[in-house]
Structure formats: structure tokens, C-alpha cells
Protein backbone atom coordinates (compact mmCIF):
# COMPACT_ATOMS: atom_id res chain seq x y z
CA ALA A 1 -0.04 -0.15 -0.57
CA VAL A 2 2.99 2.30 0.64
CA ARG A 3 6.09 2.42 -2.09
CA ALA A 4 9.31 4.00 -0.83
CA GLN A 5 11.83 5.17 -3.25
CA ILE A 6 15.03 6.26 -2.06
CA LEU A 7 16.79 9.33 -3.60
CA LEU A 8 20.63 10.18 -3.30
CA CYS A 9 20.75 14.57 -4.31
CA ASN A 10 23.68 17.07 -3.48
CA TRP A 11 25.04 14.11 -0.89
CA LEU A 12 21.15 14.22 1.09
CA LEU A 13 18.56 10.77 1.01
CA LEU A 14 16.03 11.44 0.63
CA VAL A 15 13.01 8.97 1.03
CA LEU A 16 10.22 9.22 -1.27
CA LEU A 17 7.13 7.80 0.81
CA THR A 18 3.74 7.60 -1.91
CA SER A 19 0.21 6.49 -0.08
CA ARG A 20 -1.92 4.39 -3.01
CA TYR A 21 -5.07 4.57 -1.23
CA GLY A 22 -6.09 7.85 0.41
CA CYS A 23 -6.18 11.38 -1.23
CA GLY A 24 -2.70 9.55 -2.60
CA THR A 25 -0.38 12.34 -1.46
CA THR A 26 3.08 12.18 -2.00
CA ARG A 27 5.04 13.22 1.11
CA VAL A 28 8.56 13.89 1.32
CA GLU A 29 11.23 13.41 4.38
CA CYS A 30 14.86 14.35 4.46
CA GLY A 31 17.85 12.91 6.69
CA GLU A 32 19.51 9.84 7.80
CA SER A 33 17.11 8.63 10.15
CA TYR A 34 13.96 10.86 10.97
CA ASN A 35 10.39 10.87 14.07
CA ARG A 36 7.23 10.16 11.83
CA ALA A 37 5.40 11.35 15.64
CA SER A 38 6.68 15.05 14.75
CA VAL A 39 6.60 15.20 11.46
CA THR A 40 3.81 17.30 9.84
CA VAL A 41 2.82 17.71 6.51
CA SER A 42 2.13 20.68 5.12
CA ASP A 43 1.43 23.15 2.41
CA TYR A 44 2.44 26.01 4.18
CA GLN A 45 5.19 26.89 6.18
CA LEU A 46 5.18 29.33 9.16
CA ARG A 47 7.51 31.84 8.62
CA TRP A 48 8.02 33.05 12.18
CA SER A 49 8.24 30.31 14.39
CA PHE A 50 5.88 32.80 17.01
CA MET A 51 3.01 31.89 15.21
CA PRO A 52 0.53 29.77 16.43
CA ARG A 53 0.84 25.85 14.91
CA PHE A 54 -2.49 25.59 13.72
CA LEU A 55 -2.03 28.30 10.92
CA LEU A 56 -0.37 25.52 9.14
CA HIS A 57 -3.77 23.68 8.58
CA LEU A 58 -6.03 26.28 8.09
CA PRO A 59 -5.65 26.38 4.18
CA SER A 60 -7.34 23.20 3.84
CA VAL A 61 -9.72 24.17 7.15
CA LEU A 62 -10.75 26.83 5.51
CA GLY A 63 -11.30 25.18 2.06
CA THR A 64 -13.36 22.35 2.79
CA PHE A 65 -15.35 25.02 4.85
CA LEU A 66 -16.36 26.48 1.75
CA ALA A 67 -16.57 23.83 -0.60
CA TYR A 68 -19.49 22.44 2.25
CA LEU A 69 -20.54 26.31 1.95
CA MET A 70 -20.77 25.94 -1.83
CA SER A 71 -22.95 22.69 -1.66
CA VAL A 72 -25.88 23.68 0.66
CA SER A 73 -25.89 26.81 -1.35
CA ALA A 74 -26.36 24.44 -4.36
CA ALA A 75 -28.97 22.41 -3.48
CA LEU A 76 -30.92 25.28 -1.83
CA GLY A 77 -31.10 26.59 -5.39
CA VAL A 78 -32.14 23.52 -6.55
CA LEU A 79 -34.46 23.37 -4.02
CA ASN A 80 -35.87 26.82 -4.37
CA MET A 81 -36.61 26.07 -8.10
CA ALA A 82 -39.22 22.84 -7.54
CA PRO A 83 -42.15 23.82 -8.41
CA VAL A 84 -43.57 23.97 -5.04
CA TYR A 85 -45.72 27.04 -3.46
CA TYR A 86 -44.74 29.26 -1.86
CA LEU A 87 -40.87 29.03 -3.40
CA ASP A 88 -39.43 30.62 -6.70
CA GLY A 89 -40.45 27.54 -8.19
CA GLU A 90 -44.00 28.34 -8.12
CA TRP A 91 -43.52 31.47 -10.34
CA ALA A 92 -41.14 29.93 -12.72
CA LEU A 93 -43.83 26.90 -13.40
CA PRO A 94 -45.98 28.70 -16.02
CA HIS A 95 -43.58 30.15 -17.87
CA PHE A 96 -41.79 26.59 -18.68
CA VAL A 97 -45.13 25.13 -19.30
CA ASN A 98 -45.60 28.35 -22.02
CA HIS A 99 -42.67 27.04 -23.10
CA LEU A 100 -43.29 23.05 -22.98
CA MET A 101 -46.65 23.49 -24.32
CA GLY A 102 -46.61 26.73 -26.98
CA GLY A 103 -49.87 26.12 -28.80
CA ALA A 104 -52.16 25.10 -26.49
CA PRO A 105 -54.69 26.37 -25.11
CA ALA A 106 -55.00 28.28 -21.56
CA ALA A 107 -56.95 25.97 -19.58
CA VAL A 108 -55.06 22.66 -20.76
CA LYS A 109 -51.47 25.15 -19.89
CA LEU A 110 -53.56 25.78 -16.06
CA THR A 111 -54.47 22.73 -15.64
CA ALA A 112 -50.82 20.88 -16.16
CA CYS A 113 -49.09 23.75 -13.91
CA ARG A 114 -51.41 23.30 -11.49
CA LEU A 115 -51.41 19.05 -11.60
CA ALA A 116 -47.04 19.41 -11.16
CA GLN A 117 -47.55 22.64 -7.93
CA GLY A 118 -49.62 19.93 -6.44
CA SER A 119 -48.13 16.56 -6.99
CA CYS A 120 -44.60 18.42 -6.30
CA SER A 121 -45.61 20.06 -3.22
CA ALA A 122 -47.31 16.92 -0.99
CA LEU A 123 -43.86 14.72 -2.66
CA LEU A 124 -42.03 17.83 -0.74
CA ALA A 125 -44.61 17.58 2.36
CA ILE A 126 -43.76 13.46 2.21
CA ASN A 127 -40.42 13.93 2.28
CA MET A 128 -39.78 16.67 5.27
CA LEU A 129 -42.40 14.45 7.37
CA LEU A 130 -40.66 10.88 6.61
CA GLY A 131 -37.33 12.77 7.34
CA LEU A 132 -39.12 13.42 11.16
CA ALA A 133 -40.19 10.83 11.34
CA LEU A 134 -37.01 9.63 11.18
CA LEU A 135 -35.63 11.81 14.05
CA ILE A 136 -38.26 10.71 16.62
């Protein structure tokens, strides 16, 4: 699972450990002997020694937080466009139906909108009730 390569470069022994599982990161450790417990692998290096050590991991933590925030925002945007009463999809559905069924009579378009909004509202309500029932 872990592949080790030993390279001799400018009279310095480099041990290159490549992981074949997980995220597949590559770690380079220098020196003849090293203690793995004392090695911290990071993308960044502190310039001053008085700065706290947690700043080394701040970019990766911030990146993960922003990725989760983007995912939640996109999910809320998709949910908001669902053709459900009191959401933005309620107002977007008649335009979509008008584009889809351009030559149909207005009564048919209105019936299609009401049927789609009613069924999607019922599905969302059932989904929320089942989710709440699983919490209890």
C-alpha cells in the first residue's frame, strides 16, 4: 500500500513515500533518520516561529468549509426552484409550461401547472414528514 523510493541528491538522502490509498498525497522527508510523530506535512511553512501552529492547516480547513458552503448553497438553489407553493419554482413553472406547451389552450396549461405544483408540494411534504419521523 505504501511505496518507498530512496533518492540520493546532492549528498542528501531523500525518502519519498507515496500512498496508493486515500487522497494519494506524496510526502518527502529529509535526513538519515526521522521521527514520523514529529513530522507535520502541510502545503505552507510558517515564516516566524512565534505564530501558532494551527495556521499551517488553516488553508485546508478553510477550503473544506467553503466547499461544504458551496454544496449547501447549490442544494438550496435547486430546492428553491422546485415547483412547490411559496417557492420560486411556483412562479417559474408557468413560464416553463408555456415554453413547453406553446400552442395548447390556456386551460390545459393551467391544469398542467396545478397538477405539477400539487404533486411536487405533496412529495415535498411527504419527504419532510418522513425525515422528521426518522429523527424521532
